[in-house]
């Protein structure tokens, strides 16, 4: 019955209604942004056992940035040797 006290407080202090509305919208936006990042971004890992190191599968010849100006992507020979030895 704590909700009854909350609604009685809102009836007495009607100026709190917009504040509660904005806080609710902000919290909903934060949850929506978190879920969006969780579902669409590649740097967020949910399944750690399936692919614990997703950065190993990034193509070094393909740009991962939004805008890349005059930059060449080359694989590092030492890194490739280490990857071969690790497998």
C-alpha atoms as a PDB file:
ATOM      1  CA  UNK A   1       0.000   0.000   0.000  1.00  0.00           C
ATOM      2  CA  UNK A   2       2.996   2.288  -0.346  1.00  0.00           C
ATOM      3  CA  UNK A   3       1.639   3.314  -3.761  1.00  0.00           C
ATOM      4  CA  UNK A   4      -1.384   4.907  -2.096  1.00  0.00           C
ATOM      5  CA  UNK A   5       0.930   7.205  -0.125  1.00  0.00           C
ATOM      6  CA  UNK A   6       2.823   8.048  -3.299  1.00  0.00           C
ATOM      7  CA  UNK A   7      -0.348   9.023  -5.148  1.00  0.00           C
ATOM      8  CA  UNK A   8      -1.594  11.049  -2.180  1.00  0.00           C
ATOM      9  CA  UNK A   9       1.702  12.931  -2.206  1.00  0.00           C
ATOM     10  CA  UNK A  10       1.233  13.636  -5.922  1.00  0.00           C
ATOM     11  CA  UNK A  11      -2.267  14.945  -5.282  1.00  0.00           C
ATOM     12  CA  UNK A  12      -0.938  17.351  -2.662  1.00  0.00           C
ATOM     13  CA  UNK A  13       2.180  18.395  -4.632  1.00  0.00           C
ATOM     14  CA  UNK A  14       1.086  18.599  -8.258  1.00  0.00           C
ATOM     15  CA  UNK A  15       4.325  20.352  -9.228  1.00  0.00           C
ATOM     16  CA  UNK A  16       6.154  17.011  -8.821  1.00  0.00           C
ATOM     17  CA  UNK A  17       4.236  15.386 -11.690  1.00  0.00           C
ATOM     18  CA  UNK A  18       6.384  16.894 -14.518  1.00  0.00           C
ATOM     19  CA  UNK A  19       9.566  16.126 -12.577  1.00  0.00           C
ATOM     20  CA  UNK A  20       8.584  12.487 -12.149  1.00  0.00           C
ATOM     21  CA  UNK A  21       7.619  12.351 -15.828  1.00  0.00           C
ATOM     22  CA  UNK A  22      11.011  13.662 -16.969  1.00  0.00           C
ATOM     23  CA  UNK A  23      12.910  11.331 -14.653  1.00  0.00           C
ATOM     24  CA  UNK A  24      10.866   8.385 -15.940  1.00  0.00           C
ATOM     25  CA  UNK A  25      11.551   9.334 -19.565  1.00  0.00           C
ATOM     26  CA  UNK A  26      15.286   9.753 -18.825  1.00  0.00           C
ATOM     27  CA  UNK A  27      15.453   6.355 -17.117  1.00  0.00           C
ATOM     28  CA  UNK A  28      13.603   4.751 -20.025  1.00  0.00           C
ATOM     29  CA  UNK A  29      16.018   6.374 -22.481  1.00  0.00           C
ATOM     30  CA  UNK A  30      19.008   5.111 -20.506  1.00  0.00           C
ATOM     31  CA  UNK A  31      17.627   1.574 -20.525  1.00  0.00           C
ATOM     32  CA  UNK A  32      16.845   1.811 -24.253  1.00  0.00           C
ATOM     33  CA  UNK A  33      20.361   3.092 -25.043  1.00  0.00           C
ATOM     34  CA  UNK A  34      21.903   0.291 -22.993  1.00  0.00           C
ATOM     35  CA  UNK A  35      19.841  -2.357 -24.762  1.00  0.00           C
ATOM     36  CA  UNK A  36      20.661  -0.821 -28.149  1.00  0.00           C
ATOM     37  CA  UNK A  37      24.394  -0.928 -27.384  1.00  0.00           C
ATOM     38  CA  UNK A  38      24.126  -4.449 -26.058  1.00  0.00           C
ATOM     39  CA  UNK A  39      22.353  -5.734 -29.171  1.00  0.00           C
ATOM     40  CA  UNK A  40      24.041  -3.799 -31.981  1.00  0.00           C
ATOM     41  CA  UNK A  41      27.581  -2.839 -30.979  1.00  0.00           C
ATOM     42  CA  UNK A  42      30.440  -5.205 -31.720  1.00  0.00           C
ATOM     43  CA  UNK A  43      32.579  -4.164 -28.757  1.00  0.00           C
ATOM     44  CA  UNK A  44      30.025  -5.512 -26.272  1.00  0.00           C
ATOM     45  CA  UNK A  45      30.489  -9.225 -25.541  1.00  0.00           C
ATOM     46  CA  UNK A  46      27.581 -11.163 -24.088  1.00  0.00           C
ATOM     47  CA  UNK A  47      28.682 -14.713 -24.902  1.00  0.00           C
ATOM     48  CA  UNK A  48      32.196 -14.943 -23.479  1.00  0.00           C
ATOM     49  CA  UNK A  49      32.522 -18.679 -24.039  1.00  0.00           C
ATOM     50  CA  UNK A  50      31.627 -18.606 -27.739  1.00  0.00           C
ATOM     51  CA  UNK A  51      34.032 -15.895 -28.911  1.00  0.00           C
ATOM     52  CA  UNK A  52      36.140 -14.461 -26.090  1.00  0.00           C
ATOM     53  CA  UNK A  53      38.362 -12.365 -28.386  1.00  0.00           C
ATOM     54  CA  UNK A  54      36.265 -10.897 -31.232  1.00  0.00           C
ATOM     55  CA  UNK A  55      38.985  -8.387 -32.129  1.00  0.00           C
ATOM     56  CA  UNK A  56      41.019 -11.268 -33.531  1.00  0.00           C
ATOM     57  CA  UNK A  57      38.545 -11.601 -36.406  1.00  0.00           C
ATOM     58  CA  UNK A  58      38.748  -7.957 -37.512  1.00  0.00           C
ATOM     59  CA  UNK A  59      39.965  -7.571 -41.071  1.00  0.00           C
ATOM     60  CA  UNK A  60      43.028  -5.266 -40.954  1.00  0.00           C
ATOM     61  CA  UNK A  61      42.454  -4.196 -44.561  1.00  0.00           C
ATOM     62  CA  UNK A  62      38.974  -2.856 -43.802  1.00  0.00           C
ATOM     63  CA  UNK A  63      38.473   0.459 -42.045  1.00  0.00           C
ATOM     64  CA  UNK A  64      36.495   0.238 -38.812  1.00  0.00           C
ATOM     65  CA  UNK A  65      36.128   4.001 -38.413  1.00  0.00           C
ATOM     66  CA  UNK A  66      33.275   6.148 -39.653  1.00  0.00           C
ATOM     67  CA  UNK A  67      35.627   8.367 -41.690  1.00  0.00           C
ATOM     68  CA  UNK A  68      39.183   7.434 -42.621  1.00  0.00           C
ATOM     69  CA  UNK A  69      41.228   9.920 -44.616  1.00  0.00           C
ATOM     70  CA  UNK A  70      44.374   8.760 -46.453  1.00  0.00           C
ATOM     71  CA  UNK A  71      45.192   5.866 -44.182  1.00  0.00           C
ATOM     72  CA  UNK A  72      46.453   2.500 -45.313  1.00  0.00           C
ATOM     73  CA  UNK A  73      45.609  -0.621 -43.341  1.00  0.00           C
ATOM     74  CA  UNK A  74      48.416  -3.152 -43.191  1.00  0.00           C
ATOM     75  CA  UNK A  75      48.729  -6.266 -41.116  1.00  0.00           C
ATOM     76  CA  UNK A  76      51.673  -6.406 -38.723  1.00  0.00           C
ATOM     77  CA  UNK A  77      53.985  -9.283 -39.573  1.00  0.00           C
ATOM     78  CA  UNK A  78      55.061  -9.929 -35.988  1.00  0.00           C
ATOM     79  CA  UNK A  79      51.458 -10.072 -34.865  1.00  0.00           C
ATOM     80  CA  UNK A  80      50.594 -12.552 -37.604  1.00  0.00           C
ATOM     81  CA  UNK A  81      53.508 -14.765 -36.537  1.00  0.00           C
ATOM     82  CA  UNK A  82      52.342 -14.687 -32.936  1.00  0.00           C
ATOM     83  CA  UNK A  83      48.795 -15.556 -33.989  1.00  0.00           C
ATOM     84  CA  UNK A  84      50.063 -18.552 -35.966  1.00  0.00           C
ATOM     85  CA  UNK A  85      52.147 -19.745 -33.024  1.00  0.00           C
ATOM     86  CA  UNK A  86      49.216 -19.362 -30.621  1.00  0.00           C
ATOM     87  CA  UNK A  87      46.923 -21.568 -32.731  1.00  0.00           C
END
